[in-house]
Amino acid sequence: MERIRLSSGCELELDRDALDNMELLDALIDADEGDHKASVRLIRLLLSPAERKKLYDHLRNEQGRVPVQEIYAAVAEIFRALNQGKNS
């Protein structure tokens, strides 16, 4: 497990082995092509249910909603952090 701190201050624990998953790659490609369901699949494949809840709760706004764009930004930041750690 690896701990990552996002620029928003949220700390997440991730399993680097989750990246070695063809279904994750499929979801990345589908999400890149505009499939919003694939974006949800990607998040579920990348984060455990507890870590996903932690991220959602951290990003929840005053209206009680979790902004989609903030989730997308967080996922991009997670991938950057994991790639940096891999290249270190």
PDB file of N, CA and C in Angstrom:
ATOM      1  N   MET A   1       0.842  -1.180   0.000  1.00  0.00           N
ATOM      2  CA  MET A   1       0.000   0.000   0.000  1.00  0.00           C
ATOM      3  C   MET A   1       0.889   1.246   0.000  1.00  0.00           C
ATOM      4  N   GLU A   2       0.361   2.256  -0.641  1.00  0.00           N
ATOM      5  CA  GLU A   2       1.099   3.508  -0.767  1.00  0.00           C
ATOM      6  C   GLU A   2       0.179   4.653  -0.377  1.00  0.00           C
ATOM      7  N   ARG A   3       0.714   5.592   0.401  1.00  0.00           N
ATOM      8  CA  ARG A   3      -0.053   6.766   0.807  1.00  0.00           C
ATOM      9  C   ARG A   3       0.244   7.904  -0.159  1.00  0.00           C
ATOM     10  N   ILE A   4      -0.822   8.572  -0.571  1.00  0.00           N
ATOM     11  CA  ILE A   4      -0.707   9.708  -1.481  1.00  0.00           C
ATOM     12  C   ILE A   4      -1.479  10.871  -0.878  1.00  0.00           C
ATOM     13  N   ARG A   5      -0.850  12.037  -0.893  1.00  0.00           N
ATOM     14  CA  ARG A   5      -1.530  13.253  -0.441  1.00  0.00           C
ATOM     15  C   ARG A   5      -1.838  14.089  -1.674  1.00  0.00           C
ATOM     16  N   LEU A   6      -3.124  14.369  -1.865  1.00  0.00           N
ATOM     17  CA  LEU A   6      -3.552  15.191  -2.987  1.00  0.00           C
ATOM     18  C   LEU A   6      -3.374  16.667  -2.646  1.00  0.00           C
ATOM     19  N   SER A   7      -3.356  17.510  -3.654  1.00  0.00           N
ATOM     20  CA  SER A   7      -3.183  18.948  -3.423  1.00  0.00           C
ATOM     21  C   SER A   7      -4.315  19.525  -2.574  1.00  0.00           C
ATOM     22  N   SER A   8      -5.469  18.860  -2.566  1.00  0.00           N
ATOM     23  CA  SER A   8      -6.606  19.293  -1.743  1.00  0.00           C
ATOM     24  C   SER A   8      -6.394  18.974  -0.269  1.00  0.00           C
ATOM     25  N   GLY A   9      -5.353  18.176   0.027  1.00  0.00           N
ATOM     26  CA  GLY A   9      -5.069  17.783   1.400  1.00  0.00           C
ATOM     27  C   GLY A   9      -5.552  16.390   1.754  1.00  0.00           C
ATOM     28  N   CYS A  10      -6.336  15.777   0.893  1.00  0.00           N
ATOM     29  CA  CYS A  10      -6.854  14.432   1.147  1.00  0.00           C
ATOM     30  C   CYS A  10      -5.722  13.412   1.043  1.00  0.00           C
ATOM     31  N   GLU A  11      -5.618  12.556   2.043  1.00  0.00           N
ATOM     32  CA  GLU A  11      -4.629  11.478   2.011  1.00  0.00           C
ATOM     33  C   GLU A  11      -5.344  10.171   1.719  1.00  0.00           C
ATOM     34  N   LEU A  12      -4.836   9.463   0.719  1.00  0.00           N
ATOM     35  CA  LEU A  12      -5.425   8.192   0.312  1.00  0.00           C
ATOM     36  C   LEU A  12      -4.390   7.091   0.382  1.00  0.00           C
ATOM     37  N   GLU A  13      -4.849   5.897   0.670  1.00  0.00           N
ATOM     38  CA  GLU A  13      -3.991   4.723   0.662  1.00  0.00           C
ATOM     39  C   GLU A  13      -4.366   3.898  -0.563  1.00  0.00           C
ATOM     40  N   LEU A  14      -3.384   3.655  -1.416  1.00  0.00           N
ATOM     41  CA  LEU A  14      -3.626   2.968  -2.680  1.00  0.00           C
ATOM     42  C   LEU A  14      -2.749   1.747  -2.803  1.00  0.00           C
ATOM     43  N   ASP A  15      -3.275   0.755  -3.483  1.00  0.00           N
ATOM     44  CA  ASP A  15      -2.525  -0.450  -3.791  1.00  0.00           C
ATOM     45  C   ASP A  15      -1.936  -0.285  -5.191  1.00  0.00           C
ATOM     46  N   ARG A  16      -0.624  -0.122  -5.287  1.00  0.00           N
ATOM     47  CA  ARG A  16       0.029   0.084  -6.581  1.00  0.00           C
ATOM     48  C   ARG A  16      -0.281  -1.070  -7.542  1.00  0.00           C
ATOM     49  N   ASP A  17      -0.501  -2.265  -7.007  1.00  0.00           N
ATOM     50  CA  ASP A  17      -0.812  -3.419  -7.862  1.00  0.00           C
ATOM     51  C   ASP A  17      -2.136  -3.241  -8.605  1.00  0.00           C
ATOM     52  N   ALA A  18      -2.992  -2.328  -8.117  1.00  0.00           N
ATOM     53  CA  ALA A  18      -4.264  -2.071  -8.802  1.00  0.00           C
ATOM     54  C   ALA A  18      -4.025  -1.528 -10.210  1.00  0.00           C
ATOM     55  N   LEU A  19      -2.853  -0.957 -10.444  1.00  0.00           N
ATOM     56  CA  LEU A  19      -2.533  -0.422 -11.774  1.00  0.00           C
ATOM     57  C   LEU A  19      -2.279  -1.525 -12.792  1.00  0.00           C
ATOM     58  N   ASP A  20      -1.881  -2.696 -12.321  1.00  0.00           N
ATOM     59  CA  ASP A  20      -1.581  -3.811 -13.220  1.00  0.00           C
ATOM     60  C   ASP A  20      -2.865  -4.604 -13.461  1.00  0.00           C
ATOM     61  N   ASN A  21      -3.796  -3.963 -14.174  1.00  0.00           N
ATOM     62  CA  ASN A  21      -5.126  -4.539 -14.355  1.00  0.00           C
ATOM     63  C   ASN A  21      -5.634  -4.121 -15.737  1.00  0.00           C
ATOM     64  N   MET A  22      -5.833  -5.072 -16.602  1.00  0.00           N
ATOM     65  CA  MET A  22      -6.298  -4.772 -17.952  1.00  0.00           C
ATOM     66  C   MET A  22      -7.661  -4.096 -17.942  1.00  0.00           C
ATOM     67  N   GLU A  23      -8.518  -4.445 -16.982  1.00  0.00           N
ATOM     68  CA  GLU A  23      -9.829  -3.792 -16.896  1.00  0.00           C
ATOM     69  C   GLU A  23      -9.681  -2.304 -16.574  1.00  0.00           C
ATOM     70  N   LEU A  24      -8.671  -1.956 -15.788  1.00  0.00           N
ATOM     71  CA  LEU A  24      -8.392  -0.550 -15.498  1.00  0.00           C
ATOM     72  C   LEU A  24      -7.957   0.169 -16.777  1.00  0.00           C
ATOM     73  N   LEU A  25      -7.099  -0.468 -17.549  1.00  0.00           N
ATOM     74  CA  LEU A  25      -6.661   0.120 -18.819  1.00  0.00           C
ATOM     75  C   LEU A  25      -7.843   0.293 -19.767  1.00  0.00           C
ATOM     76  N   ASP A  26      -8.697  -0.724 -19.852  1.00  0.00           N
ATOM     77  CA  ASP A  26      -9.902  -0.615 -20.683  1.00  0.00           C
ATOM     78  C   ASP A  26     -10.752   0.578 -20.238  1.00  0.00           C
ATOM     79  N   ALA A  27     -10.941   0.724 -18.923  1.00  0.00           N
ATOM     80  CA  ALA A  27     -11.753   1.819 -18.395  1.00  0.00           C
ATOM     81  C   ALA A  27     -11.110   3.170 -18.699  1.00  0.00           C
ATOM     82  N   LEU A  28      -9.784   3.243 -18.610  1.00  0.00           N
ATOM     83  CA  LEU A  28      -9.077   4.486 -18.950  1.00  0.00           C
ATOM     84  C   LEU A  28      -9.316   4.870 -20.404  1.00  0.00           C
ATOM     85  N   ILE A  29      -9.200   3.913 -21.282  1.00  0.00           N
ATOM     86  CA  ILE A  29      -9.394   4.169 -22.715  1.00  0.00           C
ATOM     87  C   ILE A  29     -10.843   4.584 -22.977  1.00  0.00           C
ATOM     88  N   ASP A  30     -11.790   3.848 -22.401  1.00  0.00           N
ATOM     89  CA  ASP A  30     -13.198   4.175 -22.597  1.00  0.00           C
ATOM     90  C   ASP A  30     -13.530   5.558 -22.029  1.00  0.00           C
ATOM     91  N   ALA A  31     -12.985   5.870 -20.859  1.00  0.00           N
ATOM     92  CA  ALA A  31     -13.230   7.184 -20.250  1.00  0.00           C
ATOM     93  C   ALA A  31     -12.637   8.286 -21.117  1.00  0.00           C
ATOM     94  N   ASP A  32     -11.456   8.050 -21.667  1.00  0.00           N
ATOM     95  CA  ASP A  32     -10.813   9.025 -22.540  1.00  0.00           C
ATOM     96  C   ASP A  32     -11.639   9.274 -23.795  1.00  0.00           C
ATOM     97  N   GLU A  33     -12.393   8.272 -24.198  1.00  0.00           N
ATOM     98  CA  GLU A  33     -13.247   8.393 -25.379  1.00  0.00           C
ATOM     99  C   GLU A  33     -14.622   8.964 -25.035  1.00  0.00           C
ATOM    100  N   GLY A  34     -14.823   9.378 -23.762  1.00  0.00           N
ATOM    101  CA  GLY A  34     -16.047  10.057 -23.374  1.00  0.00           C
ATOM    102  C   GLY A  34     -17.108   9.204 -22.715  1.00  0.00           C
ATOM    103  N   ASP A  35     -16.797   7.951 -22.410  1.00  0.00           N
ATOM    104  CA  ASP A  35     -17.766   7.068 -21.750  1.00  0.00           C
ATOM    105  C   ASP A  35     -17.765   7.365 -20.246  1.00  0.00           C
ATOM    106  N   HIS A  36     -18.796   8.066 -19.771  1.00  0.00           N
ATOM    107  CA  HIS A  36     -18.851   8.463 -18.362  1.00  0.00           C
ATOM    108  C   HIS A  36     -19.011   7.275 -17.421  1.00  0.00           C
ATOM    109  N   LYS A  37     -19.667   6.212 -17.872  1.00  0.00           N
ATOM    110  CA  LYS A  37     -19.779   5.009 -17.038  1.00  0.00           C
ATOM    111  C   LYS A  37     -18.397   4.400 -16.809  1.00  0.00           C
ATOM    112  N   ALA A  38     -17.544   4.496 -17.811  1.00  0.00           N
ATOM    113  CA  ALA A  38     -16.191   3.964 -17.664  1.00  0.00           C
ATOM    114  C   ALA A  38     -15.408   4.750 -16.622  1.00  0.00           C
ATOM    115  N   SER A  39     -15.701   6.032 -16.488  1.00  0.00           N
ATOM    116  CA  SER A  39     -15.027   6.848 -15.476  1.00  0.00           C
ATOM    117  C   SER A  39     -15.353   6.346 -14.075  1.00  0.00           C
ATOM    118  N   VAL A  40     -16.595   5.968 -13.869  1.00  0.00           N
ATOM    119  CA  VAL A  40     -16.999   5.418 -12.571  1.00  0.00           C
ATOM    120  C   VAL A  40     -16.317   4.067 -12.353  1.00  0.00           C
ATOM    121  N   ARG A  41     -16.292   3.232 -13.385  1.00  0.00           N
ATOM    122  CA  ARG A  41     -15.630   1.927 -13.309  1.00  0.00           C
ATOM    123  C   ARG A  41     -14.154   2.110 -12.959  1.00  0.00           C
ATOM    124  N   LEU A  42     -13.525   3.093 -13.572  1.00  0.00           N
ATOM    125  CA  LEU A  42     -12.111   3.377 -13.332  1.00  0.00           C
ATOM    126  C   LEU A  42     -11.866   3.701 -11.856  1.00  0.00           C
ATOM    127  N   ILE A  43     -12.692   4.559 -11.303  1.00  0.00           N
ATOM    128  CA  ILE A  43     -12.541   4.940  -9.897  1.00  0.00           C
ATOM    129  C   ILE A  43     -12.736   3.726  -8.991  1.00  0.00           C
ATOM    130  N   ARG A  44     -13.700   2.882  -9.319  1.00  0.00           N
ATOM    131  CA  ARG A  44     -13.949   1.687  -8.499  1.00  0.00           C
ATOM    132  C   ARG A  44     -12.811   0.679  -8.596  1.00  0.00           C
ATOM    133  N   LEU A  45     -12.147   0.638  -9.744  1.00  0.00           N
ATOM    134  CA  LEU A  45     -11.018  -0.283  -9.902  1.00  0.00           C
ATOM    135  C   LEU A  45      -9.757   0.259  -9.237  1.00  0.00           C
ATOM    136  N   LEU A  46      -9.647   1.570  -9.147  1.00  0.00           N
ATOM    137  CA  LEU A  46      -8.450   2.204  -8.611  1.00  0.00           C
ATOM    138  C   LEU A  46      -8.475   2.323  -7.093  1.00  0.00           C
ATOM    139  N   LEU A  47      -9.636   2.646  -6.527  1.00  0.00           N
ATOM    140  CA  LEU A  47      -9.746   2.900  -5.092  1.00  0.00           C
ATOM    141  C   LEU A  47     -10.602   1.849  -4.400  1.00  0.00           C
ATOM    142  N   SER A  48     -10.214   1.502  -3.200  1.00  0.00           N
ATOM    143  CA  SER A  48     -11.051   0.607  -2.395  1.00  0.00           C
ATOM    144  C   SER A  48     -12.331   1.363  -2.020  1.00  0.00           C
ATOM    145  N   PRO A  49     -13.384   0.643  -1.624  1.00  0.00           N
ATOM    146  CA  PRO A  49     -14.611   1.343  -1.219  1.00  0.00           C
ATOM    147  C   PRO A  49     -14.365   2.366  -0.099  1.00  0.00           C
ATOM    148  N   ALA A  50     -13.527   2.029   0.857  1.00  0.00           N
ATOM    149  CA  ALA A  50     -13.256   2.955   1.970  1.00  0.00           C
ATOM    150  C   ALA A  50     -12.515   4.197   1.489  1.00  0.00           C
ATOM    151  N   GLU A  51     -11.541   4.021   0.610  1.00  0.00           N
ATOM    152  CA  GLU A  51     -10.780   5.167   0.103  1.00  0.00           C
ATOM    153  C   GLU A  51     -11.631   6.017  -0.838  1.00  0.00           C
ATOM    154  N   ARG A  52     -12.500   5.378  -1.608  1.00  0.00           N
ATOM    155  CA  ARG A  52     -13.410   6.114  -2.487  1.00  0.00           C
ATOM    156  C   ARG A  52     -14.342   6.983  -1.643  1.00  0.00           C
ATOM    157  N   LYS A  53     -14.885   6.427  -0.561  1.00  0.00           N
ATOM    158  CA  LYS A  53     -15.758   7.192   0.332  1.00  0.00           C
ATOM    159  C   LYS A  53     -14.990   8.351   0.960  1.00  0.00           C
ATOM    160  N   LYS A  54     -13.762   8.096   1.368  1.00  0.00           N
ATOM    161  CA  LYS A  54     -12.942   9.147   1.964  1.00  0.00           C
ATOM    162  C   LYS A  54     -12.750  10.298   0.968  1.00  0.00           C
ATOM    163  N   LEU A  55     -12.448   9.973  -0.290  1.00  0.00           N
ATOM    164  CA  LEU A  55     -12.253  10.998  -1.308  1.00  0.00           C
ATOM    165  C   LEU A  55     -13.555  11.747  -1.566  1.00  0.00           C
ATOM    166  N   TYR A  56     -14.648  11.028  -1.736  1.00  0.00           N
ATOM    167  CA  TYR A  56     -15.942  11.673  -1.984  1.00  0.00           C
ATOM    168  C   TYR A  56     -16.299  12.616  -0.829  1.00  0.00           C
ATOM    169  N   ASP A  57     -16.154  12.137   0.398  1.00  0.00           N
ATOM    170  CA  ASP A  57     -16.488  12.969   1.557  1.00  0.00           C
ATOM    171  C   ASP A  57     -15.590  14.205   1.626  1.00  0.00           C
ATOM    172  N   HIS A  58     -14.333  14.036   1.260  1.00  0.00           N
ATOM    173  CA  HIS A  58     -13.388  15.156   1.283  1.00  0.00           C
ATOM    174  C   HIS A  58     -13.779  16.228   0.261  1.00  0.00           C
ATOM    175  N   LEU A  59     -14.272  15.792  -0.883  1.00  0.00           N
ATOM    176  CA  LEU A  59     -14.597  16.732  -1.961  1.00  0.00           C
ATOM    177  C   LEU A  59     -16.049  17.213  -1.944  1.00  0.00           C
ATOM    178  N   ARG A  60     -16.846  16.677  -1.043  1.00  0.00           N
ATOM    179  CA  ARG A  60     -18.273  17.029  -0.970  1.00  0.00           C
ATOM    180  C   ARG A  60     -18.438  18.534  -0.709  1.00  0.00           C
ATOM    181  N   ASN A  61     -19.346  19.185  -1.453  1.00  0.00           N
ATOM    182  CA  ASN A  61     -19.555  20.630  -1.292  1.00  0.00           C
ATOM    183  C   ASN A  61     -20.657  20.923  -0.281  1.00  0.00           C
ATOM    184  N   GLU A  62     -20.968  22.213  -0.104  1.00  0.00           N
ATOM    185  CA  GLU A  62     -21.962  22.617   0.895  1.00  0.00           C
ATOM    186  C   GLU A  62     -23.350  22.053   0.602  1.00  0.00           C
ATOM    187  N   GLN A  63     -23.633  21.784  -0.658  1.00  0.00           N
ATOM    188  CA  GLN A  63     -24.940  21.226  -1.029  1.00  0.00           C
ATOM    189  C   GLN A  63     -24.984  19.703  -0.850  1.00  0.00           C
ATOM    190  N   GLY A  64     -23.873  19.120  -0.418  1.00  0.00           N
ATOM    191  CA  GLY A  64     -23.826  17.678  -0.186  1.00  0.00           C
ATOM    192  C   GLY A  64     -23.476  16.882  -1.425  1.00  0.00           C
ATOM    193  N   ARG A  65     -23.104  17.569  -2.489  1.00  0.00           N
ATOM    194  CA  ARG A  65     -22.760  16.898  -3.749  1.00  0.00           C
ATOM    195  C   ARG A  65     -21.250  16.750  -3.893  1.00  0.00           C
ATOM    196  N   VAL A  66     -20.876  15.722  -4.648  1.00  0.00           N
ATOM    197  CA  VAL A  66     -19.465  15.494  -4.966  1.00  0.00           C
ATOM    198  C   VAL A  66     -19.270  15.909  -6.428  1.00  0.00           C
ATOM    199  N   PRO A  67     -18.617  17.043  -6.671  1.00  0.00           N
ATOM    200  CA  PRO A  67     -18.464  17.540  -8.035  1.00  0.00           C
ATOM    201  C   PRO A  67     -17.652  16.585  -8.920  1.00  0.00           C
ATOM    202  N   VAL A  68     -18.222  16.244 -10.048  1.00  0.00           N
ATOM    203  CA  VAL A  68     -17.599  15.299 -10.974  1.00  0.00           C
ATOM    204  C   VAL A  68     -16.233  15.799 -11.427  1.00  0.00           C
ATOM    205  N   GLN A  69     -16.142  17.070 -11.771  1.00  0.00           N
ATOM    206  CA  GLN A  69     -14.863  17.606 -12.260  1.00  0.00           C
ATOM    207  C   GLN A  69     -13.768  17.518 -11.199  1.00  0.00           C
ATOM    208  N   GLU A  70     -14.138  17.671  -9.933  1.00  0.00           N
ATOM    209  CA  GLU A  70     -13.139  17.552  -8.864  1.00  0.00           C
ATOM    210  C   GLU A  70     -12.668  16.106  -8.710  1.00  0.00           C
ATOM    211  N   ILE A  71     -13.573  15.162  -8.915  1.00  0.00           N
ATOM    212  CA  ILE A  71     -13.187  13.744  -8.879  1.00  0.00           C
ATOM    213  C   ILE A  71     -12.231  13.448 -10.035  1.00  0.00           C
ATOM    214  N   TYR A  72     -12.579  13.935 -11.240  1.00  0.00           N
ATOM    215  CA  TYR A  72     -11.691  13.723 -12.393  1.00  0.00           C
ATOM    216  C   TYR A  72     -10.307  14.302 -12.127  1.00  0.00           C
ATOM    217  N   ALA A  73     -10.258  15.506 -11.560  1.00  0.00           N
ATOM    218  CA  ALA A  73      -8.973  16.139 -11.254  1.00  0.00           C
ATOM    219  C   ALA A  73      -8.196  15.319 -10.222  1.00  0.00           C
ATOM    220  N   ALA A  74      -8.890  14.795  -9.219  1.00  0.00           N
ATOM    221  CA  ALA A  74      -8.241  13.986  -8.186  1.00  0.00           C
ATOM    222  C   ALA A  74      -7.684  12.694  -8.781  1.00  0.00           C
ATOM    223  N   VAL A  75      -8.447  12.048  -9.670  1.00  0.00           N
ATOM    224  CA  VAL A  75      -7.982  10.804 -10.295  1.00  0.00           C
ATOM    225  C   VAL A  75      -6.742  11.083 -11.144  1.00  0.00           C
ATOM    226  N   ALA A  76      -6.747  12.178 -11.888  1.00  0.00           N
ATOM    227  CA  ALA A  76      -5.568  12.541 -12.685  1.00  0.00           C
ATOM    228  C   ALA A  76      -4.365  12.765 -11.776  1.00  0.00           C
ATOM    229  N   GLU A  77      -4.587  13.405 -10.646  1.00  0.00           N
ATOM    230  CA  GLU A  77      -3.506  13.653  -9.689  1.00  0.00           C
ATOM    231  C   GLU A  77      -2.999  12.341  -9.080  1.00  0.00           C
ATOM    232  N   ILE A  78      -3.897  11.409  -8.824  1.00  0.00           N
ATOM    233  CA  ILE A  78      -3.501  10.095  -8.298  1.00  0.00           C
ATOM    234  C   ILE A  78      -2.586   9.393  -9.295  1.00  0.00           C
ATOM    235  N   PHE A  79      -2.984   9.391 -10.567  1.00  0.00           N
ATOM    236  CA  PHE A  79      -2.148   8.741 -11.582  1.00  0.00           C
ATOM    237  C   PHE A  79      -0.782   9.420 -11.707  1.00  0.00           C
ATOM    238  N   ARG A  80      -0.759  10.747 -11.657  1.00  0.00           N
ATOM    239  CA  ARG A  80       0.536  11.452 -11.719  1.00  0.00           C
ATOM    240  C   ARG A  80       1.411  11.064 -10.540  1.00  0.00           C
ATOM    241  N   ALA A  81       0.822  11.026  -9.355  1.00  0.00           N
ATOM    242  CA  ALA A  81       1.586  10.679  -8.146  1.00  0.00           C
ATOM    243  C   ALA A  81       2.127   9.242  -8.243  1.00  0.00           C
ATOM    244  N   LEU A  82       1.290   8.328  -8.690  1.00  0.00           N
ATOM    245  CA  LEU A  82       1.729   6.927  -8.813  1.00  0.00           C
ATOM    246  C   LEU A  82       2.817   6.785  -9.867  1.00  0.00           C
ATOM    247  N   ASN A  83       2.695   7.508 -10.960  1.00  0.00           N
ATOM    248  CA  ASN A  83       3.725   7.447 -12.004  1.00  0.00           C
ATOM    249  C   ASN A  83       5.030   8.063 -11.534  1.00  0.00           C
ATOM    250  N   GLN A  84       4.981   9.144 -10.765  1.00  0.00           N
ATOM    251  CA  GLN A  84       6.190   9.751 -10.236  1.00  0.00           C
ATOM    252  C   GLN A  84       6.896   8.809  -9.284  1.00  0.00           C
ATOM    253  N   GLY A  85       6.123   8.139  -8.432  1.00  0.00           N
ATOM    254  CA  GLY A  85       6.697   7.187  -7.499  1.00  0.00           C
ATOM    255  C   GLY A  85       7.340   6.010  -8.211  1.00  0.00           C
ATOM    256  N   LYS A  86       6.767   5.630  -9.336  1.00  0.00           N
ATOM    257  CA  LYS A  86       7.281   4.503 -10.111  1.00  0.00           C
ATOM    258  C   LYS A  86       8.607   4.845 -10.791  1.00  0.00           C
ATOM    259  N   ASN A  87       8.752   6.120 -11.170  1.00  0.00           N
ATOM    260  CA  ASN A  87       9.947   6.551 -11.869  1.00  0.00           C
ATOM    261  C   ASN A  87      11.051   6.998 -10.923  1.00  0.00           C
ATOM    262  N   SER A  88      10.750   7.061  -9.635  1.00  0.00           N
ATOM    263  CA  SER A  88      11.759   7.529  -8.671  1.00  0.00           C
ATOM    264  C   SER A  88      12.779   6.468  -8.366  1.00  0.00           C
TER     265      SER A  88
END
